[in-house]
Full PDB file with SEQRES, HELIX, SHEET, SSBOND, CRYST1, ORIGX, SCALE, CONECT and MASTER records, all heavy atoms in Angstrom:
SEQRES   1 A   31  ASP ASN ALA LYS ASN THR VAL TYR LEU GLN MET ASN SER          
SEQRES   2 A   31  LEU LYS PRO GLU ASP THR ALA VAL TYR TYR CYS ALA ALA          
SEQRES   3 A   31  ALA ARG HIS PRO ASN                                          
HELIX    1 AA1 PRO A   16  ASP A   18  5                                   3    
CRYST1    1.000    1.000    1.000  90.00  90.00  90.00 P 1           1          
ORIGX1      1.000000  0.000000  0.000000        0.00000                         
ORIGX2      0.000000  1.000000  0.000000        0.00000                         
ORIGX3      0.000000  0.000000  1.000000        0.00000                         
SCALE1      1.000000  0.000000  0.000000        0.00000                         
SCALE2      0.000000  1.000000  0.000000        0.00000                         
SCALE3      0.000000  0.000000  1.000000        0.00000                         
ATOM      1  N   ASP A   1     110.604  -7.365 118.742  1.00  0.00           N  
ATOM      2  CA  ASP A   1     109.963  -7.214 120.046  1.00  0.00           C  
ATOM      3  C   ASP A   1     110.901  -6.344 120.863  1.00  0.00           C  
ATOM      4  O   ASP A   1     111.909  -6.823 121.382  1.00  0.00           O  
ATOM      5  CB  ASP A   1     109.740  -8.579 120.688  1.00  0.00           C  
ATOM      6  CG  ASP A   1     108.992  -8.489 122.008  1.00  0.00           C  
ATOM      7  OD1 ASP A   1     109.070  -7.426 122.674  1.00  0.00           O  
ATOM      8  OD2 ASP A   1     108.338  -9.469 122.382  1.00  0.00           O  
ATOM      9  N   ASN A   2     110.579  -5.065 120.972  1.00  0.00           N  
ATOM     10  CA  ASN A   2     111.482  -4.132 121.645  1.00  0.00           C  
ATOM     11  C   ASN A   2     111.627  -4.455 123.133  1.00  0.00           C  
ATOM     12  O   ASN A   2     112.688  -4.237 123.715  1.00  0.00           O  
ATOM     13  CB  ASN A   2     110.990  -2.702 121.460  1.00  0.00           C  
ATOM     14  CG  ASN A   2     111.138  -2.228 120.024  1.00  0.00           C  
ATOM     15  OD1 ASN A   2     112.038  -2.654 119.299  1.00  0.00           O  
ATOM     16  ND2 ASN A   2     110.240  -1.362 119.595  1.00  0.00           N  
ATOM     17  N   ALA A   3     110.582  -4.979 123.729  1.00  0.00           N  
ATOM     18  CA  ALA A   3     110.650  -5.307 125.156  1.00  0.00           C  
ATOM     19  C   ALA A   3     111.646  -6.430 125.423  1.00  0.00           C  
ATOM     20  O   ALA A   3     112.264  -6.484 126.490  1.00  0.00           O  
ATOM     21  CB  ALA A   3     109.269  -5.708 125.662  1.00  0.00           C  
ATOM     22  N   LYS A   4     111.809  -7.305 124.426  1.00  0.00           N  
ATOM     23  CA  LYS A   4     112.739  -8.434 124.587  1.00  0.00           C  
ATOM     24  C   LYS A   4     114.058  -8.199 123.847  1.00  0.00           C  
ATOM     25  O   LYS A   4     114.920  -9.076 123.843  1.00  0.00           O  
ATOM     26  CB  LYS A   4     112.090  -9.716 124.064  1.00  0.00           C  
ATOM     27  CG  LYS A   4     110.875 -10.165 124.858  1.00  0.00           C  
ATOM     28  CD  LYS A   4     110.323 -11.473 124.313  1.00  0.00           C  
ATOM     29  CE  LYS A   4     109.132 -11.949 125.133  1.00  0.00           C  
ATOM     30  NZ  LYS A   4     108.580 -13.230 124.619  1.00  0.00           N  
ATOM     31  N   ASN A   5     114.179  -7.041 123.194  1.00  0.00           N  
ATOM     32  CA  ASN A   5     115.392  -6.741 122.408  1.00  0.00           C  
ATOM     33  C   ASN A   5     115.695  -7.863 121.431  1.00  0.00           C  
ATOM     34  O   ASN A   5     116.849  -8.289 121.286  1.00  0.00           O  
ATOM     35  CB  ASN A   5     116.593  -6.494 123.330  1.00  0.00           C  
ATOM     36  CG  ASN A   5     116.376  -5.319 124.251  1.00  0.00           C  
ATOM     37  OD1 ASN A   5     115.833  -4.297 123.846  1.00  0.00           O  
ATOM     38  ND2 ASN A   5     116.764  -5.466 125.505  1.00  0.00           N  
ATOM     39  N   THR A   6     114.657  -8.336 120.782  1.00  0.00           N  
ATOM     40  CA  THR A   6     114.780  -9.496 119.897  1.00  0.00           C  
ATOM     41  C   THR A   6     114.159  -9.195 118.545  1.00  0.00           C  
ATOM     42  O   THR A   6     113.106  -8.554 118.462  1.00  0.00           O  
ATOM     43  CB  THR A   6     114.108 -10.716 120.532  1.00  0.00           C  
ATOM     44  OG1 THR A   6     114.750 -11.014 121.781  1.00  0.00           O  
ATOM     45  CG2 THR A   6     114.220 -11.938 119.626  1.00  0.00           C  
ATOM     46  N   VAL A   7     114.833  -9.665 117.507  1.00  0.00           N  
ATOM     47  CA  VAL A   7     114.327  -9.576 116.139  1.00  0.00           C  
ATOM     48  C   VAL A   7     114.086 -10.983 115.623  1.00  0.00           C  
ATOM     49  O   VAL A   7     114.869 -11.904 115.920  1.00  0.00           O  
ATOM     50  CB  VAL A   7     115.333  -8.835 115.231  1.00  0.00           C  
ATOM     51  CG1 VAL A   7     114.889  -8.884 113.785  1.00  0.00           C  
ATOM     52  CG2 VAL A   7     115.473  -7.394 115.660  1.00  0.00           C  
ATOM     53  N   TYR A   8     113.014 -11.137 114.887  1.00  0.00           N  
ATOM     54  CA  TYR A   8     112.627 -12.441 114.366  1.00  0.00           C  
ATOM     55  C   TYR A   8     112.610 -12.424 112.839  1.00  0.00           C  
ATOM     56  O   TYR A   8     112.391 -11.388 112.221  1.00  0.00           O  
ATOM     57  CB  TYR A   8     111.240 -12.830 114.872  1.00  0.00           C  
ATOM     58  CG  TYR A   8     111.104 -12.815 116.370  1.00  0.00           C  
ATOM     59  CD1 TYR A   8     110.570 -11.714 117.035  1.00  0.00           C  
ATOM     60  CD2 TYR A   8     111.516 -13.911 117.131  1.00  0.00           C  
ATOM     61  CE1 TYR A   8     110.448 -11.693 118.415  1.00  0.00           C  
ATOM     62  CE2 TYR A   8     111.395 -13.902 118.509  1.00  0.00           C  
ATOM     63  CZ  TYR A   8     110.864 -12.794 119.153  1.00  0.00           C  
ATOM     64  OH  TYR A   8     110.751 -12.784 120.511  1.00  0.00           O  
ATOM     65  N   LEU A   9     112.814 -13.610 112.269  1.00  0.00           N  
ATOM     66  CA  LEU A   9     112.622 -13.786 110.834  1.00  0.00           C  
ATOM     67  C   LEU A   9     111.772 -15.034 110.649  1.00  0.00           C  
ATOM     68  O   LEU A   9     112.240 -16.147 110.875  1.00  0.00           O  
ATOM     69  CB  LEU A   9     113.961 -13.929 110.109  1.00  0.00           C  
ATOM     70  CG  LEU A   9     113.850 -14.007 108.578  1.00  0.00           C  
ATOM     71  CD1 LEU A   9     113.379 -12.658 108.013  1.00  0.00           C  
ATOM     72  CD2 LEU A   9     115.176 -14.410 107.952  1.00  0.00           C  
ATOM     73  N   GLN A  10     110.518 -14.821 110.287  1.00  0.00           N  
ATOM     74  CA  GLN A  10     109.625 -15.931 109.996  1.00  0.00           C  
ATOM     75  C   GLN A  10     109.793 -16.293 108.532  1.00  0.00           C  
ATOM     76  O   GLN A  10     109.582 -15.455 107.657  1.00  0.00           O  
ATOM     77  CB  GLN A  10     108.172 -15.540 110.289  1.00  0.00           C  
ATOM     78  CG  GLN A  10     107.164 -16.622 109.962  1.00  0.00           C  
ATOM     79  CD  GLN A  10     107.298 -17.842 110.839  1.00  0.00           C  
ATOM     80  OE1 GLN A  10     107.471 -17.735 112.054  1.00  0.00           O  
ATOM     81  NE2 GLN A  10     107.231 -19.029 110.242  1.00  0.00           N  
ATOM     82  N   MET A  11     110.157 -17.531 108.279  1.00  0.00           N  
ATOM     83  CA  MET A  11     110.428 -17.985 106.915  1.00  0.00           C  
ATOM     84  C   MET A  11     109.432 -19.075 106.546  1.00  0.00           C  
ATOM     85  O   MET A  11     109.415 -20.139 107.170  1.00  0.00           O  
ATOM     86  CB  MET A  11     111.864 -18.513 106.807  1.00  0.00           C  
ATOM     87  CG  MET A  11     112.915 -17.513 107.277  1.00  0.00           C  
ATOM     88  SD  MET A  11     114.608 -18.089 107.006  1.00  0.00           S  
ATOM     89  CE  MET A  11     114.666 -19.472 108.130  1.00  0.00           C  
ATOM     90  N   ASN A  12     108.608 -18.798 105.573  1.00  0.00           N  
ATOM     91  CA  ASN A  12     107.608 -19.744 105.092  1.00  0.00           C  
ATOM     92  C   ASN A  12     107.905 -20.139 103.649  1.00  0.00           C  
ATOM     93  O   ASN A  12     108.666 -19.470 102.954  1.00  0.00           O  
ATOM     94  CB  ASN A  12     106.217 -19.125 105.177  1.00  0.00           C  
ATOM     95  CG  ASN A  12     105.802 -18.768 106.588  1.00  0.00           C  
ATOM     96  OD1 ASN A  12     106.194 -19.439 107.547  1.00  0.00           O  
ATOM     97  ND2 ASN A  12     105.023 -17.713 106.731  1.00  0.00           N  
ATOM     98  N   SER A  13     107.285 -21.222 103.221  1.00  0.00           N  
ATOM     99  CA  SER A  13     107.448 -21.696 101.840  1.00  0.00           C  
ATOM    100  C   SER A  13     108.922 -21.776 101.451  1.00  0.00           C  
ATOM    101  O   SER A  13     109.336 -21.305 100.392  1.00  0.00           O  
ATOM    102  CB  SER A  13     106.697 -20.780 100.868  1.00  0.00           C  
ATOM    103  OG  SER A  13     105.325 -20.704 101.190  1.00  0.00           O  
ATOM    104  N   LEU A  14     109.706 -22.374 102.328  1.00  0.00           N  
ATOM    105  CA  LEU A  14     111.150 -22.427 102.112  1.00  0.00           C  
ATOM    106  C   LEU A  14     111.499 -23.243 100.883  1.00  0.00           C  
ATOM    107  O   LEU A  14     110.829 -24.235 100.543  1.00  0.00           O  
ATOM    108  CB  LEU A  14     111.840 -22.994 103.342  1.00  0.00           C  
ATOM    109  CG  LEU A  14     111.980 -21.976 104.503  1.00  0.00           C  
ATOM    110  CD1 LEU A  14     112.215 -22.694 105.825  1.00  0.00           C  
ATOM    111  CD2 LEU A  14     113.106 -20.999 104.207  1.00  0.00           C  
ATOM    112  N   LYS A  15     112.568 -22.804 100.219  1.00  0.00           N  
ATOM    113  CA  LYS A  15     113.055 -23.443  99.004  1.00  0.00           C  
ATOM    114  C   LYS A  15     114.499 -23.908  99.218  1.00  0.00           C  
ATOM    115  O   LYS A  15     115.207 -23.343 100.057  1.00  0.00           O  
ATOM    116  CB  LYS A  15     113.020 -22.450  97.849  1.00  0.00           C  
ATOM    117  CG  LYS A  15     111.669 -21.817  97.579  1.00  0.00           C  
ATOM    118  CD  LYS A  15     111.774 -20.755  96.492  1.00  0.00           C  
ATOM    119  CE  LYS A  15     110.435 -20.092  96.222  1.00  0.00           C  
ATOM    120  NZ  LYS A  15     110.529 -19.051  95.159  1.00  0.00           N  
ATOM    121  N   PRO A  16     114.950 -24.898  98.464  1.00  0.00           N  
ATOM    122  CA  PRO A  16     116.351 -25.335  98.604  1.00  0.00           C  
ATOM    123  C   PRO A  16     117.345 -24.188  98.426  1.00  0.00           C  
ATOM    124  O   PRO A  16     118.390 -24.173  99.087  1.00  0.00           O  
ATOM    125  CB  PRO A  16     116.490 -26.382  97.497  1.00  0.00           C  
ATOM    126  CG  PRO A  16     115.118 -26.954  97.365  1.00  0.00           C  
ATOM    127  CD  PRO A  16     114.196 -25.783  97.561  1.00  0.00           C  
ATOM    128  N   GLU A  17     117.019 -23.225  97.599  1.00  0.00           N  
ATOM    129  CA  GLU A  17     117.933 -22.092  97.385  1.00  0.00           C  
ATOM    130  C   GLU A  17     117.991 -21.134  98.571  1.00  0.00           C  
ATOM    131  O   GLU A  17     118.806 -20.206  98.572  1.00  0.00           O  
ATOM    132  CB  GLU A  17     117.566 -21.326  96.108  1.00  0.00           C  
ATOM    133  CG  GLU A  17     116.111 -20.917  96.008  1.00  0.00           C  
ATOM    134  CD  GLU A  17     115.305 -21.896  95.174  1.00  0.00           C  
ATOM    135  OE1 GLU A  17     115.467 -23.127  95.353  1.00  0.00           O  
ATOM    136  OE2 GLU A  17     114.473 -21.433  94.356  1.00  0.00           O  
ATOM    137  N   ASP A  18     117.148 -21.363  99.574  1.00  0.00           N  
ATOM    138  CA  ASP A  18     117.245 -20.576 100.814  1.00  0.00           C  
ATOM    139  C   ASP A  18     118.308 -21.144 101.753  1.00  0.00           C  
ATOM    140  O   ASP A  18     118.592 -20.541 102.792  1.00  0.00           O  
ATOM    141  CB  ASP A  18     115.897 -20.550 101.534  1.00  0.00           C  
ATOM    142  CG  ASP A  18     114.820 -19.816 100.757  1.00  0.00           C  
ATOM    143  OD1 ASP A  18     115.122 -18.748 100.192  1.00  0.00           O  
ATOM    144  OD2 ASP A  18     113.671 -20.313 100.728  1.00  0.00           O  
ATOM    145  N   THR A  19     118.882 -22.281 101.408  1.00  0.00           N  
ATOM    146  CA  THR A  19     119.913 -22.892 102.243  1.00  0.00           C  
ATOM    147  C   THR A  19     121.118 -21.968 102.352  1.00  0.00           C  
ATOM    148  O   THR A  19     121.670 -21.520 101.341  1.00  0.00           O  
ATOM    149  CB  THR A  19     120.350 -24.239 101.653  1.00  0.00           C  
ATOM    150  OG1 THR A  19     119.244 -25.143 101.702  1.00  0.00           O  
ATOM    151  CG2 THR A  19     121.528 -24.821 102.422  1.00  0.00           C  
ATOM    152  N   ALA A  20     121.504 -21.662 103.589  1.00  0.00           N  
ATOM    153  CA  ALA A  20     122.608 -20.737 103.836  1.00  0.00           C  
ATOM    154  C   ALA A  20     122.840 -20.635 105.340  1.00  0.00           C  
ATOM    155  O   ALA A  20     122.034 -21.132 106.139  1.00  0.00           O  
ATOM    156  CB  ALA A  20     122.289 -19.347 103.278  1.00  0.00           C  
ATOM    157  N   VAL A  21     123.923 -19.967 105.691  1.00  0.00           N  
ATOM    158  CA  VAL A  21     124.102 -19.531 107.072  1.00  0.00           C  
ATOM    159  C   VAL A  21     123.455 -18.145 107.180  1.00  0.00           C  
ATOM    160  O   VAL A  21     123.757 -17.251 106.379  1.00  0.00           O  
ATOM    161  CB  VAL A  21     125.586 -19.460 107.468  1.00  0.00           C  
ATOM    162  CG1 VAL A  21     125.721 -18.938 108.901  1.00  0.00           C  
ATOM    163  CG2 VAL A  21     126.239 -20.826 107.336  1.00  0.00           C  
ATOM    164  N   TYR A  22     122.582 -18.000 108.136  1.00  0.00           N  
ATOM    165  CA  TYR A  22     121.861 -16.748 108.336  1.00  0.00           C  
ATOM    166  C   TYR A  22     122.489 -15.988 109.500  1.00  0.00           C  
ATOM    167  O   TYR A  22     122.686 -16.544 110.588  1.00  0.00           O  
ATOM    168  CB  TYR A  22     120.388 -17.015 108.610  1.00  0.00           C  
ATOM    169  CG  TYR A  22     119.622 -17.376 107.357  1.00  0.00           C  
ATOM    170  CD1 TYR A  22     119.845 -18.589 106.710  1.00  0.00           C  
ATOM    171  CD2 TYR A  22     118.695 -16.499 106.802  1.00  0.00           C  
ATOM    172  CE1 TYR A  22     119.171 -18.917 105.547  1.00  0.00           C  
ATOM    173  CE2 TYR A  22     118.007 -16.815 105.638  1.00  0.00           C  
ATOM    174  CZ  TYR A  22     118.260 -18.027 105.015  1.00  0.00           C  
ATOM    175  OH  TYR A  22     117.580 -18.346 103.858  1.00  0.00           O  
ATOM    176  N   TYR A  23     122.774 -14.707 109.246  1.00  0.00           N  
ATOM    177  CA  TYR A  23     123.418 -13.853 110.240  1.00  0.00           C  
ATOM    178  C   TYR A  23     122.514 -12.694 110.623  1.00  0.00           C  
ATOM    179  O   TYR A  23     121.901 -12.058 109.757  1.00  0.00           O  
ATOM    180  CB  TYR A  23     124.715 -13.269 109.687  1.00  0.00           C  
ATOM    181  CG  TYR A  23     125.780 -14.282 109.355  1.00  0.00           C  
ATOM    182  CD1 TYR A  23     125.867 -14.841 108.086  1.00  0.00           C  
ATOM    183  CD2 TYR A  23     126.713 -14.673 110.319  1.00  0.00           C  
ATOM    184  CE1 TYR A  23     126.842 -15.771 107.781  1.00  0.00           C  
ATOM    185  CE2 TYR A  23     127.700 -15.600 110.018  1.00  0.00           C  
ATOM    186  CZ  TYR A  23     127.755 -16.147 108.743  1.00  0.00           C  
ATOM    187  OH  TYR A  23     128.732 -17.062 108.441  1.00  0.00           O  
ATOM    188  N   CYS A  24     122.474 -12.420 111.891  1.00  0.00           N  
ATOM    189  CA  CYS A  24     121.790 -11.232 112.385  1.00  0.00           C  
ATOM    190  C   CYS A  24     122.790 -10.084 112.429  1.00  0.00           C  
ATOM    191  O   CYS A  24     123.973 -10.297 112.725  1.00  0.00           O  
ATOM    192  CB  CYS A  24     121.251 -11.510 113.785  1.00  0.00           C  
ATOM    193  SG  CYS A  24     120.416 -10.119 114.560  1.00  0.00           S  
ATOM    194  N   ALA A  25     122.339  -8.880 112.116  1.00  0.00           N  
ATOM    195  CA  ALA A  25     123.198  -7.705 112.143  1.00  0.00           C  
ATOM    196  C   ALA A  25     122.462  -6.549 112.799  1.00  0.00           C  
ATOM    197  O   ALA A  25     121.243  -6.427 112.677  1.00  0.00           O  
ATOM    198  CB  ALA A  25     123.617  -7.316 110.729  1.00  0.00           C  
ATOM    199  N   ALA A  26     123.231  -5.702 113.474  1.00  0.00           N  
ATOM    200  CA  ALA A  26     122.679  -4.505 114.097  1.00  0.00           C  
ATOM    201  C   ALA A  26     123.568  -3.326 113.753  1.00  0.00           C  
ATOM    202  O   ALA A  26     124.800  -3.432 113.848  1.00  0.00           O  
ATOM    203  CB  ALA A  26     122.588  -4.677 115.608  1.00  0.00           C  
ATOM    204  N   ALA A  27     122.943  -2.235 113.351  1.00  0.00           N  
ATOM    205  CA  ALA A  27     123.690  -1.047 112.964  1.00  0.00           C  
ATOM    206  C   ALA A  27     123.487   0.046 113.990  1.00  0.00           C  
ATOM    207  O   ALA A  27     122.348   0.426 114.302  1.00  0.00           O  
ATOM    208  CB  ALA A  27     123.235  -0.557 111.595  1.00  0.00           C  
ATOM    209  N   ARG A  28     124.590   0.529 114.518  1.00  0.00           N  
ATOM    210  CA  ARG A  28     124.580   1.688 115.406  1.00  0.00           C  
ATOM    211  C   ARG A  28     125.765   2.521 114.978  1.00  0.00           C  
ATOM    212  O   ARG A  28     126.904   2.173 115.243  1.00  0.00           O  
ATOM    213  CB  ARG A  28     124.695   1.274 116.866  1.00  0.00           C  
ATOM    214  CG  ARG A  28     124.423   2.438 117.832  1.00  0.00           C  
ATOM    215  CD  ARG A  28     124.703   2.040 119.257  1.00  0.00           C  
ATOM    216  NE  ARG A  28     126.125   1.879 119.498  1.00  0.00           N  
ATOM    217  CZ  ARG A  28     126.644   1.314 120.572  1.00  0.00           C  
ATOM    218  NH1 ARG A  28     125.843   0.840 121.493  1.00  0.00           N  
ATOM    219  NH2 ARG A  28     127.939   1.212 120.725  1.00  0.00           N  
ATOM    220  N   HIS A  29     125.446   3.596 114.290  1.00  0.00           N  
ATOM    221  CA  HIS A  29     126.474   4.409 113.641  1.00  0.00           C  
ATOM    222  C   HIS A  29     127.637   4.687 114.579  1.00  0.00           C  
ATOM    223  O   HIS A  29     127.427   5.107 115.719  1.00  0.00           O  
ATOM    224  CB  HIS A  29     125.852   5.721 113.165  1.00  0.00           C  
ATOM    225  CG  HIS A  29     126.812   6.572 112.401  1.00  0.00           C  
ATOM    226  ND1 HIS A  29     127.166   6.306 111.095  1.00  0.00           N  
ATOM    227  CD2 HIS A  29     127.513   7.658 112.776  1.00  0.00           C  
ATOM    228  CE1 HIS A  29     128.016   7.195 110.687  1.00  0.00           C  
ATOM    229  NE2 HIS A  29     128.253   8.038 111.680  1.00  0.00           N  
ATOM    230  N   PRO A  30     128.881   4.486 114.114  1.00  0.00           N  
ATOM    231  CA  PRO A  30     129.283   4.044 112.779  1.00  0.00           C  
ATOM    232  C   PRO A  30     129.569   2.551 112.668  1.00  0.00           C  
ATOM    233  O   PRO A  30     130.203   2.118 111.714  1.00  0.00           O  
ATOM    234  CB  PRO A  30     130.577   4.828 112.575  1.00  0.00           C  
ATOM    235  CG  PRO A  30     131.198   4.810 113.936  1.00  0.00           C  
ATOM    236  CD  PRO A  30     130.051   4.897 114.918  1.00  0.00           C  
ATOM    237  N   ASN A  31     129.100   1.769 113.627  1.00  0.00           N  
ATOM    238  CA  ASN A  31     129.467   0.350 113.671  1.00  0.00           C  
ATOM    239  C   ASN A  31     128.331  -0.559 113.214  1.00  0.00           C  
ATOM    240  O   ASN A  31     127.155  -0.234 113.344  1.00  0.00           O  
ATOM    241  CB  ASN A  31     129.865  -0.041 115.094  1.00  0.00           C  
ATOM    242  CG  ASN A  31     131.054   0.752 115.587  1.00  0.00           C  
ATOM    243  OD1 ASN A  31     132.066   0.840 114.915  1.00  0.00           O  
ATOM    244  ND2 ASN A  31     130.922   1.342 116.763  1.00  0.00           N  
TER     245      ASN A  31                                                      
MASTER        0    0    0    1    0    0    0    6  244    1    0    3          
END                                                                             
């Protein structure tokens, strides 16, 4: 949602192997 400067991840049909720490990342060259 560019107006809110927000990115979403909708996760359905979750499995035990999806267990993890989830990190958001943003790339703006070169960082």
